[in-house]
mmCIF file of all heavy atoms, coordinates in Angstrom:
data_MODEL
# 
_entry.id   MODEL 
# 
loop_
_atom_site.group_PDB 
_atom_site.id 
_atom_site.type_symbol 
_atom_site.label_atom_id 
_atom_site.label_alt_id 
_atom_site.label_comp_id 
_atom_site.label_asym_id 
_atom_site.label_entity_id 
_atom_site.label_seq_id 
_atom_site.pdbx_PDB_ins_code 
_atom_site.Cartn_x 
_atom_site.Cartn_y 
_atom_site.Cartn_z 
_atom_site.occupancy 
_atom_site.B_iso_or_equiv 
_atom_site.pdbx_formal_charge 
_atom_site.auth_seq_id 
_atom_site.auth_comp_id 
_atom_site.auth_asym_id 
_atom_site.auth_atom_id 
_atom_site.pdbx_PDB_model_num 
ATOM 1   N N   . PHE A 1 1  ? -9.163  -10.172 -2.516  1.00 0.00 ? 1  PHE A N   1 
ATOM 2   C CA  . PHE A 1 1  ? -7.806  -10.568 -2.171  1.00 0.00 ? 1  PHE A CA  1 
ATOM 3   C C   . PHE A 1 1  ? -7.850  -11.465 -0.942  1.00 0.00 ? 1  PHE A C   1 
ATOM 4   O O   . PHE A 1 1  ? -8.478  -11.120 0.056   1.00 0.00 ? 1  PHE A O   1 
ATOM 5   C CB  . PHE A 1 1  ? -6.958  -9.318  -1.893  1.00 0.00 ? 1  PHE A CB  1 
ATOM 6   C CG  . PHE A 1 1  ? -5.596  -9.601  -1.347  1.00 0.00 ? 1  PHE A CG  1 
ATOM 7   C CD1 . PHE A 1 1  ? -4.650  -10.301 -2.087  1.00 0.00 ? 1  PHE A CD1 1 
ATOM 8   C CD2 . PHE A 1 1  ? -5.236  -9.153  -0.075  1.00 0.00 ? 1  PHE A CD2 1 
ATOM 9   C CE1 . PHE A 1 1  ? -3.389  -10.558 -1.580  1.00 0.00 ? 1  PHE A CE1 1 
ATOM 10  C CE2 . PHE A 1 1  ? -3.982  -9.399  0.442   1.00 0.00 ? 1  PHE A CE2 1 
ATOM 11  C CZ  . PHE A 1 1  ? -3.047  -10.111 -0.321  1.00 0.00 ? 1  PHE A CZ  1 
ATOM 12  N N   . ASP A 1 2  ? -7.189  -12.613 -1.020  1.00 0.00 ? 2  ASP A N   1 
ATOM 13  C CA  . ASP A 1 2  ? -7.125  -13.551 0.100   1.00 0.00 ? 2  ASP A CA  1 
ATOM 14  C C   . ASP A 1 2  ? -5.966  -13.188 1.021   1.00 0.00 ? 2  ASP A C   1 
ATOM 15  O O   . ASP A 1 2  ? -4.838  -13.011 0.557   1.00 0.00 ? 2  ASP A O   1 
ATOM 16  C CB  . ASP A 1 2  ? -6.911  -14.983 -0.406  1.00 0.00 ? 2  ASP A CB  1 
ATOM 17  C CG  . ASP A 1 2  ? -8.126  -15.528 -1.140  1.00 0.00 ? 2  ASP A CG  1 
ATOM 18  O OD1 . ASP A 1 2  ? -9.076  -14.761 -1.353  1.00 0.00 ? 2  ASP A OD1 1 
ATOM 19  O OD2 . ASP A 1 2  ? -8.108  -16.715 -1.499  1.00 0.00 ? 2  ASP A OD2 1 
ATOM 20  N N   . VAL A 1 3  ? -6.264  -13.132 2.329   1.00 0.00 ? 3  VAL A N   1 
ATOM 21  C CA  . VAL A 1 3  ? -5.214  -12.820 3.286   1.00 0.00 ? 3  VAL A CA  1 
ATOM 22  C C   . VAL A 1 3  ? -5.555  -13.424 4.647   1.00 0.00 ? 3  VAL A C   1 
ATOM 23  O O   . VAL A 1 3  ? -6.632  -13.180 5.187   1.00 0.00 ? 3  VAL A O   1 
ATOM 24  C CB  . VAL A 1 3  ? -4.991  -11.295 3.423   1.00 0.00 ? 3  VAL A CB  1 
ATOM 25  C CG1 . VAL A 1 3  ? -6.279  -10.572 3.812   1.00 0.00 ? 3  VAL A CG1 1 
ATOM 26  C CG2 . VAL A 1 3  ? -3.886  -10.987 4.430   1.00 0.00 ? 3  VAL A CG2 1 
ATOM 27  N N   . ALA A 1 4  ? -4.685  -14.248 5.172   1.00 0.00 ? 4  ALA A N   1 
ATOM 28  C CA  . ALA A 1 4  ? -4.769  -14.740 6.555   1.00 0.00 ? 4  ALA A CA  1 
ATOM 29  C C   . ALA A 1 4  ? -6.168  -15.217 6.935   1.00 0.00 ? 4  ALA A C   1 
ATOM 30  O O   . ALA A 1 4  ? -6.726  -14.814 7.955   1.00 0.00 ? 4  ALA A O   1 
ATOM 31  C CB  . ALA A 1 4  ? -4.300  -13.650 7.519   1.00 0.00 ? 4  ALA A CB  1 
ATOM 32  N N   . GLY A 1 5  ? -6.747  -16.071 6.105   1.00 0.00 ? 5  GLY A N   1 
ATOM 33  C CA  . GLY A 1 5  ? -8.046  -16.636 6.426   1.00 0.00 ? 5  GLY A CA  1 
ATOM 34  C C   . GLY A 1 5  ? -9.232  -15.754 6.112   1.00 0.00 ? 5  GLY A C   1 
ATOM 35  O O   . GLY A 1 5  ? -10.371 -16.070 6.494   1.00 0.00 ? 5  GLY A O   1 
ATOM 36  N N   . ALA A 1 6  ? -9.020  -14.659 5.420   1.00 0.00 ? 6  ALA A N   1 
ATOM 37  C CA  . ALA A 1 6  ? -10.105 -13.752 5.042   1.00 0.00 ? 6  ALA A CA  1 
ATOM 38  C C   . ALA A 1 6  ? -10.031 -13.458 3.548   1.00 0.00 ? 6  ALA A C   1 
ATOM 39  O O   . ALA A 1 6  ? -8.982  -13.599 2.923   1.00 0.00 ? 6  ALA A O   1 
ATOM 40  C CB  . ALA A 1 6  ? -10.019 -12.447 5.824   1.00 0.00 ? 6  ALA A CB  1 
ATOM 41  N N   . VAL A 1 7  ? -11.162 -13.068 2.987   1.00 0.00 ? 7  VAL A N   1 
ATOM 42  C CA  . VAL A 1 7  ? -11.216 -12.591 1.607   1.00 0.00 ? 7  VAL A CA  1 
ATOM 43  C C   . VAL A 1 7  ? -11.678 -11.137 1.659   1.00 0.00 ? 7  VAL A C   1 
ATOM 44  O O   . VAL A 1 7  ? -12.810 -10.849 2.067   1.00 0.00 ? 7  VAL A O   1 
ATOM 45  C CB  . VAL A 1 7  ? -12.178 -13.431 0.746   1.00 0.00 ? 7  VAL A CB  1 
ATOM 46  C CG1 . VAL A 1 7  ? -12.249 -12.864 -0.673  1.00 0.00 ? 7  VAL A CG1 1 
ATOM 47  C CG2 . VAL A 1 7  ? -11.741 -14.898 0.716   1.00 0.00 ? 7  VAL A CG2 1 
ATOM 48  N N   . LEU A 1 8  ? -10.779 -10.239 1.275   1.00 0.00 ? 8  LEU A N   1 
ATOM 49  C CA  . LEU A 1 8  ? -11.074 -8.813  1.328   1.00 0.00 ? 8  LEU A CA  1 
ATOM 50  C C   . LEU A 1 8  ? -11.598 -8.328  -0.010  1.00 0.00 ? 8  LEU A C   1 
ATOM 51  O O   . LEU A 1 8  ? -10.983 -8.559  -1.050  1.00 0.00 ? 8  LEU A O   1 
ATOM 52  C CB  . LEU A 1 8  ? -9.813  -8.025  1.691   1.00 0.00 ? 8  LEU A CB  1 
ATOM 53  C CG  . LEU A 1 8  ? -9.104  -8.402  3.000   1.00 0.00 ? 8  LEU A CG  1 
ATOM 54  C CD1 . LEU A 1 8  ? -7.893  -7.488  3.208   1.00 0.00 ? 8  LEU A CD1 1 
ATOM 55  C CD2 . LEU A 1 8  ? -10.045 -8.343  4.187   1.00 0.00 ? 8  LEU A CD2 1 
ATOM 56  N N   . THR A 1 9  ? -12.734 -7.649  0.034   1.00 0.00 ? 9  THR A N   1 
ATOM 57  C CA  . THR A 1 9  ? -13.290 -7.004  -1.154  1.00 0.00 ? 9  THR A CA  1 
ATOM 58  C C   . THR A 1 9  ? -12.855 -5.541  -1.148  1.00 0.00 ? 9  THR A C   1 
ATOM 59  O O   . THR A 1 9  ? -12.888 -4.885  -0.102  1.00 0.00 ? 9  THR A O   1 
ATOM 60  C CB  . THR A 1 9  ? -14.823 -7.103  -1.146  1.00 0.00 ? 9  THR A CB  1 
ATOM 61  O OG1 . THR A 1 9  ? -15.200 -8.478  -1.142  1.00 0.00 ? 9  THR A OG1 1 
ATOM 62  C CG2 . THR A 1 9  ? -15.420 -6.408  -2.357  1.00 0.00 ? 9  THR A CG2 1 
ATOM 63  N N   . TYR A 1 10 ? -12.453 -5.047  -2.305  1.00 0.00 ? 10 TYR A N   1 
ATOM 64  C CA  . TYR A 1 10 ? -11.943 -3.679  -2.346  1.00 0.00 ? 10 TYR A CA  1 
ATOM 65  C C   . TYR A 1 10 ? -12.277 -3.021  -3.678  1.00 0.00 ? 10 TYR A C   1 
ATOM 66  O O   . TYR A 1 10 ? -12.638 -3.679  -4.652  1.00 0.00 ? 10 TYR A O   1 
ATOM 67  C CB  . TYR A 1 10 ? -10.427 -3.668  -2.118  1.00 0.00 ? 10 TYR A CB  1 
ATOM 68  C CG  . TYR A 1 10 ? -9.617  -4.370  -3.192  1.00 0.00 ? 10 TYR A CG  1 
ATOM 69  C CD1 . TYR A 1 10 ? -9.080  -3.654  -4.261  1.00 0.00 ? 10 TYR A CD1 1 
ATOM 70  C CD2 . TYR A 1 10 ? -9.391  -5.746  -3.147  1.00 0.00 ? 10 TYR A CD2 1 
ATOM 71  C CE1 . TYR A 1 10 ? -8.338  -4.286  -5.255  1.00 0.00 ? 10 TYR A CE1 1 
ATOM 72  C CE2 . TYR A 1 10 ? -8.653  -6.386  -4.125  1.00 0.00 ? 10 TYR A CE2 1 
ATOM 73  C CZ  . TYR A 1 10 ? -8.124  -5.652  -5.176  1.00 0.00 ? 10 TYR A CZ  1 
ATOM 74  O OH  . TYR A 1 10 ? -7.394  -6.281  -6.155  1.00 0.00 ? 10 TYR A OH  1 
ATOM 75  N N   . ASP A 1 11 ? -12.134 -1.712  -3.714  1.00 0.00 ? 11 ASP A N   1 
ATOM 76  C CA  . ASP A 1 11 ? -12.228 -0.921  -4.938  1.00 0.00 ? 11 ASP A CA  1 
ATOM 77  C C   . ASP A 1 11 ? -10.883 -0.252  -5.165  1.00 0.00 ? 11 ASP A C   1 
ATOM 78  O O   . ASP A 1 11 ? -10.270 0.264   -4.223  1.00 0.00 ? 11 ASP A O   1 
ATOM 79  C CB  . ASP A 1 11 ? -13.315 0.159   -4.824  1.00 0.00 ? 11 ASP A CB  1 
ATOM 80  C CG  . ASP A 1 11 ? -14.713 -0.427  -4.700  1.00 0.00 ? 11 ASP A CG  1 
ATOM 81  O OD1 . ASP A 1 11 ? -14.984 -1.445  -5.346  1.00 0.00 ? 11 ASP A OD1 1 
ATOM 82  O OD2 . ASP A 1 11 ? -15.531 0.144   -3.944  1.00 0.00 ? 11 ASP A OD2 1 
ATOM 83  N N   . ASP A 1 12 ? -10.442 -0.255  -6.419  1.00 0.00 ? 12 ASP A N   1 
ATOM 84  C CA  . ASP A 1 12 ? -9.186  0.392   -6.797  1.00 0.00 ? 12 ASP A CA  1 
ATOM 85  C C   . ASP A 1 12 ? -9.498  1.226   -8.031  1.00 0.00 ? 12 ASP A C   1 
ATOM 86  O O   . ASP A 1 12 ? -9.575  0.717   -9.144  1.00 0.00 ? 12 ASP A O   1 
ATOM 87  C CB  . ASP A 1 12 ? -8.124  -0.673  -7.080  1.00 0.00 ? 12 ASP A CB  1 
ATOM 88  C CG  . ASP A 1 12 ? -6.755  -0.079  -7.371  1.00 0.00 ? 12 ASP A CG  1 
ATOM 89  O OD1 . ASP A 1 12 ? -6.626  1.158   -7.378  1.00 0.00 ? 12 ASP A OD1 1 
ATOM 90  O OD2 . ASP A 1 12 ? -5.814  -0.862  -7.593  1.00 0.00 ? 12 ASP A OD2 1 
ATOM 91  N N   . GLU A 1 13 ? -9.690  2.522   -7.820  1.00 0.00 ? 13 GLU A N   1 
ATOM 92  C CA  . GLU A 1 13 ? -10.183 3.397   -8.874  1.00 0.00 ? 13 GLU A CA  1 
ATOM 93  C C   . GLU A 1 13 ? -9.191  4.518   -9.167  1.00 0.00 ? 13 GLU A C   1 
ATOM 94  O O   . GLU A 1 13 ? -8.315  4.801   -8.365  1.00 0.00 ? 13 GLU A O   1 
ATOM 95  C CB  . GLU A 1 13 ? -11.525 4.007   -8.453  1.00 0.00 ? 13 GLU A CB  1 
ATOM 96  C CG  . GLU A 1 13 ? -12.574 2.975   -8.060  1.00 0.00 ? 13 GLU A CG  1 
ATOM 97  C CD  . GLU A 1 13 ? -13.759 3.606   -7.341  1.00 0.00 ? 13 GLU A CD  1 
ATOM 98  O OE1 . GLU A 1 13 ? -13.604 4.005   -6.178  1.00 0.00 ? 13 GLU A OE1 1 
ATOM 99  O OE2 . GLU A 1 13 ? -14.844 3.684   -7.959  1.00 0.00 ? 13 GLU A OE2 1 
ATOM 100 N N   . GLY A 1 14 ? -9.380  5.163   -10.297 1.00 0.00 ? 14 GLY A N   1 
ATOM 101 C CA  . GLY A 1 14 ? -8.586  6.333   -10.641 1.00 0.00 ? 14 GLY A CA  1 
ATOM 102 C C   . GLY A 1 14 ? -7.336  6.000   -11.423 1.00 0.00 ? 14 GLY A C   1 
ATOM 103 O O   . GLY A 1 14 ? -6.953  4.840   -11.574 1.00 0.00 ? 14 GLY A O   1 
ATOM 104 N N   . PRO A 1 15 ? -6.656  7.032   -11.919 1.00 0.00 ? 15 PRO A N   1 
ATOM 105 C CA  . PRO A 1 15 ? -5.467  6.844   -12.764 1.00 0.00 ? 15 PRO A CA  1 
ATOM 106 C C   . PRO A 1 15 ? -4.289  6.291   -11.970 1.00 0.00 ? 15 PRO A C   1 
ATOM 107 O O   . PRO A 1 15 ? -4.109  6.604   -10.796 1.00 0.00 ? 15 PRO A O   1 
ATOM 108 C CB  . PRO A 1 15 ? -5.179  8.258   -13.281 1.00 0.00 ? 15 PRO A CB  1 
ATOM 109 C CG  . PRO A 1 15 ? -5.784  9.168   -12.260 1.00 0.00 ? 15 PRO A CG  1 
ATOM 110 C CD  . PRO A 1 15 ? -6.999  8.462   -11.749 1.00 0.00 ? 15 PRO A CD  1 
ATOM 111 N N   . ARG A 1 16 ? -3.484  5.468   -12.639 1.00 0.00 ? 16 ARG A N   1 
ATOM 112 C CA  . ARG A 1 16 ? -2.290  4.900   -12.002 1.00 0.00 ? 16 ARG A CA  1 
ATOM 113 C C   . ARG A 1 16 ? -1.038  5.722   -12.288 1.00 0.00 ? 16 ARG A C   1 
ATOM 114 O O   . ARG A 1 16 ? -0.006  5.501   -11.671 1.00 0.00 ? 16 ARG A O   1 
ATOM 115 C CB  . ARG A 1 16 ? -2.044  3.472   -12.520 1.00 0.00 ? 16 ARG A CB  1 
ATOM 116 C CG  . ARG A 1 16 ? -3.209  2.521   -12.370 1.00 0.00 ? 16 ARG A CG  1 
ATOM 117 C CD  . ARG A 1 16 ? -3.510  2.249   -10.892 1.00 0.00 ? 16 ARG A CD  1 
ATOM 118 N NE  . ARG A 1 16 ? -4.408  1.129   -10.743 1.00 0.00 ? 16 ARG A NE  1 
ATOM 119 C CZ  . ARG A 1 16 ? -5.732  1.221   -10.777 1.00 0.00 ? 16 ARG A CZ  1 
ATOM 120 N NH1 . ARG A 1 16 ? -6.299  2.402   -10.985 1.00 0.00 ? 16 ARG A NH1 1 
ATOM 121 N NH2 . ARG A 1 16 ? -6.486  0.150   -10.620 1.00 0.00 ? 16 ARG A NH2 1 
ATOM 122 N N   . ASP A 1 17 ? -1.123  6.646   -13.240 1.00 0.00 ? 17 ASP A N   1 
ATOM 123 C CA  . ASP A 1 17 ? 0.069   7.353   -13.700 1.00 0.00 ? 17 ASP A CA  1 
ATOM 124 C C   . ASP A 1 17 ? 0.141   8.787   -13.191 1.00 0.00 ? 17 ASP A C   1 
ATOM 125 O O   . ASP A 1 17 ? 0.925   9.588   -13.700 1.00 0.00 ? 17 ASP A O   1 
ATOM 126 C CB  . ASP A 1 17 ? 0.121   7.350   -15.228 1.00 0.00 ? 17 ASP A CB  1 
ATOM 127 C CG  . ASP A 1 17 ? -1.148  7.929   -15.853 1.00 0.00 ? 17 ASP A CG  1 
ATOM 128 O OD1 . ASP A 1 17 ? -2.076  8.264   -15.097 1.00 0.00 ? 17 ASP A OD1 1 
ATOM 129 O OD2 . ASP A 1 17 ? -1.194  8.042   -17.099 1.00 0.00 ? 17 ASP A OD2 1 
ATOM 130 N N   . GLY A 1 18 ? -0.662  9.108   -12.172 1.00 0.00 ? 18 GLY A N   1 
ATOM 131 C CA  . GLY A 1 18 ? -0.635  10.476  -11.652 1.00 0.00 ? 18 GLY A CA  1 
ATOM 132 C C   . GLY A 1 18 ? 0.587   10.731  -10.797 1.00 0.00 ? 18 GLY A C   1 
ATOM 133 O O   . GLY A 1 18 ? 1.289   9.819   -10.359 1.00 0.00 ? 18 GLY A O   1 
ATOM 134 N N   . ALA A 1 19 ? 0.847   12.006  -10.542 1.00 0.00 ? 19 ALA A N   1 
ATOM 135 C CA  . ALA A 1 19 ? 2.004   12.388  -9.737  1.00 0.00 ? 19 ALA A CA  1 
ATOM 136 C C   . ALA A 1 19 ? 1.762   12.162  -8.250  1.00 0.00 ? 19 ALA A C   1 
ATOM 137 O O   . ALA A 1 19 ? 2.712   12.011  -7.481  1.00 0.00 ? 19 ALA A O   1 
ATOM 138 C CB  . ALA A 1 19 ? 2.337   13.855  -9.988  1.00 0.00 ? 19 ALA A CB  1 
ATOM 139 N N   . ASP A 1 20 ? 0.495   12.120  -7.836  1.00 0.00 ? 20 ASP A N   1 
ATOM 140 C CA  . ASP A 1 20 ? 0.174   11.990  -6.420  1.00 0.00 ? 20 ASP A CA  1 
ATOM 141 C C   . ASP A 1 20 ? 0.123   10.524  -6.002  1.00 0.00 ? 20 ASP A C   1 
ATOM 142 O O   . ASP A 1 20 ? -0.293  9.649   -6.778  1.00 0.00 ? 20 ASP A O   1 
ATOM 143 C CB  . ASP A 1 20 ? -1.180  12.635  -6.118  1.00 0.00 ? 20 ASP A CB  1 
ATOM 144 C CG  . ASP A 1 20 ? -1.164  14.134  -6.364  1.00 0.00 ? 20 ASP A CG  1 
ATOM 145 O OD1 . ASP A 1 20 ? -0.163  14.773  -5.995  1.00 0.00 ? 20 ASP A OD1 1 
ATOM 146 O OD2 . ASP A 1 20 ? -2.154  14.649  -6.909  1.00 0.00 ? 20 ASP A OD2 1 
ATOM 147 N N   . VAL A 1 21 ? 0.500   10.250  -4.762  1.00 0.00 ? 21 VAL A N   1 
ATOM 148 C CA  . VAL A 1 21 ? 0.408   8.884   -4.251  1.00 0.00 ? 21 VAL A CA  1 
ATOM 149 C C   . VAL A 1 21 ? -1.063  8.537   -4.025  1.00 0.00 ? 21 VAL A C   1 
ATOM 150 O O   . VAL A 1 21 ? -1.913  9.424   -3.873  1.00 0.00 ? 21 VAL A O   1 
ATOM 151 C CB  . VAL A 1 21 ? 1.208   8.713   -2.945  1.00 0.00 ? 21 VAL A CB  1 
ATOM 152 C CG1 . VAL A 1 21 ? 2.664   9.068   -3.149  1.00 0.00 ? 21 VAL A CG1 1 
ATOM 153 C CG2 . VAL A 1 21 ? 0.600   9.543   -1.816  1.00 0.00 ? 21 VAL A CG2 1 
ATOM 154 N N   . PRO A 1 22 ? -1.414  7.247   -3.987  1.00 0.00 ? 22 PRO A N   1 
ATOM 155 C CA  . PRO A 1 22 ? -2.811  6.857   -3.808  1.00 0.00 ? 22 PRO A CA  1 
ATOM 156 C C   . PRO A 1 22 ? -3.380  7.273   -2.449  1.00 0.00 ? 22 PRO A C   1 
ATOM 157 O O   . PRO A 1 22 ? -2.654  7.368   -1.451  1.00 0.00 ? 22 PRO A O   1 
ATOM 158 C CB  . PRO A 1 22 ? -2.766  5.330   -3.928  1.00 0.00 ? 22 PRO A CB  1 
ATOM 159 C CG  . PRO A 1 22 ? -1.512  5.030   -4.670  1.00 0.00 ? 22 PRO A CG  1 
ATOM 160 C CD  . PRO A 1 22 ? -0.544  6.088   -4.259  1.00 0.00 ? 22 PRO A CD  1 
ATOM 161 N N   . LEU A 1 23 ? -4.681  7.491   -2.454  1.00 0.00 ? 23 LEU A N   1 
ATOM 162 C CA  . LEU A 1 23 ? -5.429  7.686   -1.205  1.00 0.00 ? 23 LEU A CA  1 
ATOM 163 C C   . LEU A 1 23 ? -5.982  6.331   -0.781  1.00 0.00 ? 23 LEU A C   1 
ATOM 164 O O   . LEU A 1 23 ? -6.596  5.629   -1.587  1.00 0.00 ? 23 LEU A O   1 
ATOM 165 C CB  . LEU A 1 23 ? -6.582  8.663   -1.410  1.00 0.00 ? 23 LEU A CB  1 
ATOM 166 C CG  . LEU A 1 23 ? -6.240  10.081  -1.850  1.00 0.00 ? 23 LEU A CG  1 
ATOM 167 C CD1 . LEU A 1 23 ? -7.522  10.885  -2.051  1.00 0.00 ? 23 LEU A CD1 1 
ATOM 168 C CD2 . LEU A 1 23 ? -5.331  10.758  -0.845  1.00 0.00 ? 23 LEU A CD2 1 
ATOM 169 N N   . VAL A 1 24 ? -5.785  5.976   0.470   1.00 0.00 ? 24 VAL A N   1 
ATOM 170 C CA  . VAL A 1 24 ? -6.273  4.694   0.995   1.00 0.00 ? 24 VAL A CA  1 
ATOM 171 C C   . VAL A 1 24 ? -7.272  4.999   2.106   1.00 0.00 ? 24 VAL A C   1 
ATOM 172 O O   . VAL A 1 24 ? -6.904  5.573   3.140   1.00 0.00 ? 24 VAL A O   1 
ATOM 173 C CB  . VAL A 1 24 ? -5.110  3.837   1.522   1.00 0.00 ? 24 VAL A CB  1 
ATOM 174 C CG1 . VAL A 1 24 ? -5.645  2.521   2.079   1.00 0.00 ? 24 VAL A CG1 1 
ATOM 175 C CG2 . VAL A 1 24 ? -4.091  3.578   0.412   1.00 0.00 ? 24 VAL A CG2 1 
ATOM 176 N N   . PHE A 1 25 ? -8.534  4.621   1.896   1.00 0.00 ? 25 PHE A N   1 
ATOM 177 C CA  . PHE A 1 25 ? -9.602  4.904   2.845   1.00 0.00 ? 25 PHE A CA  1 
ATOM 178 C C   . PHE A 1 25 ? -9.929  3.650   3.658   1.00 0.00 ? 25 PHE A C   1 
ATOM 179 O O   . PHE A 1 25 ? -10.163 2.579   3.090   1.00 0.00 ? 25 PHE A O   1 
ATOM 180 C CB  . PHE A 1 25 ? -10.852 5.381   2.107   1.00 0.00 ? 25 PHE A CB  1 
ATOM 181 C CG  . PHE A 1 25 ? -10.724 6.753   1.505   1.00 0.00 ? 25 PHE A CG  1 
ATOM 182 C CD1 . PHE A 1 25 ? -10.255 6.925   0.210   1.00 0.00 ? 25 PHE A CD1 1 
ATOM 183 C CD2 . PHE A 1 25 ? -11.075 7.873   2.238   1.00 0.00 ? 25 PHE A CD2 1 
ATOM 184 C CE1 . PHE A 1 25 ? -10.128 8.191   -0.346  1.00 0.00 ? 25 PHE A CE1 1 
ATOM 185 C CE2 . PHE A 1 25 ? -10.959 9.147   1.694   1.00 0.00 ? 25 PHE A CE2 1 
ATOM 186 C CZ  . PHE A 1 25 ? -10.484 9.318   0.397   1.00 0.00 ? 25 PHE A CZ  1 
ATOM 187 N N   . VAL A 1 26 ? -9.946  3.809   4.983   1.00 0.00 ? 26 VAL A N   1 
ATOM 188 C CA  . VAL A 1 26 ? -10.197 2.684   5.889   1.00 0.00 ? 26 VAL A CA  1 
ATOM 189 C C   . VAL A 1 26 ? -11.403 3.028   6.768   1.00 0.00 ? 26 VAL A C   1 
ATOM 190 O O   . VAL A 1 26 ? -11.373 4.006   7.525   1.00 0.00 ? 26 VAL A O   1 
ATOM 191 C CB  . VAL A 1 26 ? -8.970  2.386   6.761   1.00 0.00 ? 26 VAL A CB  1 
ATOM 192 C CG1 . VAL A 1 26 ? -9.182  1.092   7.541   1.00 0.00 ? 26 VAL A CG1 1 
ATOM 193 C CG2 . VAL A 1 26 ? -7.699  2.286   5.910   1.00 0.00 ? 26 VAL A CG2 1 
ATOM 194 N N   . HIS A 1 27 ? -12.456 2.229   6.648   1.00 0.00 ? 27 HIS A N   1 
ATOM 195 C CA  . HIS A 1 27 ? -13.691 2.507   7.387   1.00 0.00 ? 27 HIS A CA  1 
ATOM 196 C C   . HIS A 1 27 ? -13.595 2.067   8.839   1.00 0.00 ? 27 HIS A C   1 
ATOM 197 O O   . HIS A 1 27 ? -12.602 1.479   9.292   1.00 0.00 ? 27 HIS A O   1 
ATOM 198 C CB  . HIS A 1 27 ? -14.885 1.832   6.694   1.00 0.00 ? 27 HIS A CB  1 
ATOM 199 C CG  . HIS A 1 27 ? -14.852 0.334   6.748   1.00 0.00 ? 27 HIS A CG  1 
ATOM 200 N ND1 . HIS A 1 27 ? -15.153 -0.387  7.888   1.00 0.00 ? 27 HIS A ND1 1 
ATOM 201 C CD2 . HIS A 1 27 ? -14.558 -0.600  5.795   1.00 0.00 ? 27 HIS A CD2 1 
ATOM 202 C CE1 . HIS A 1 27 ? -15.060 -1.685  7.634   1.00 0.00 ? 27 HIS A CE1 1 
ATOM 203 N NE2 . HIS A 1 27 ? -14.682 -1.839  6.378   1.00 0.00 ? 27 HIS A NE2 1 
# 
């Protein structure tokens, strides 16, 4: 994803239709 002069690499895993909101991990 391109943002403000950077290209961010990411992983987006797991089901999208679950009842729980996503977990976002920041190193």
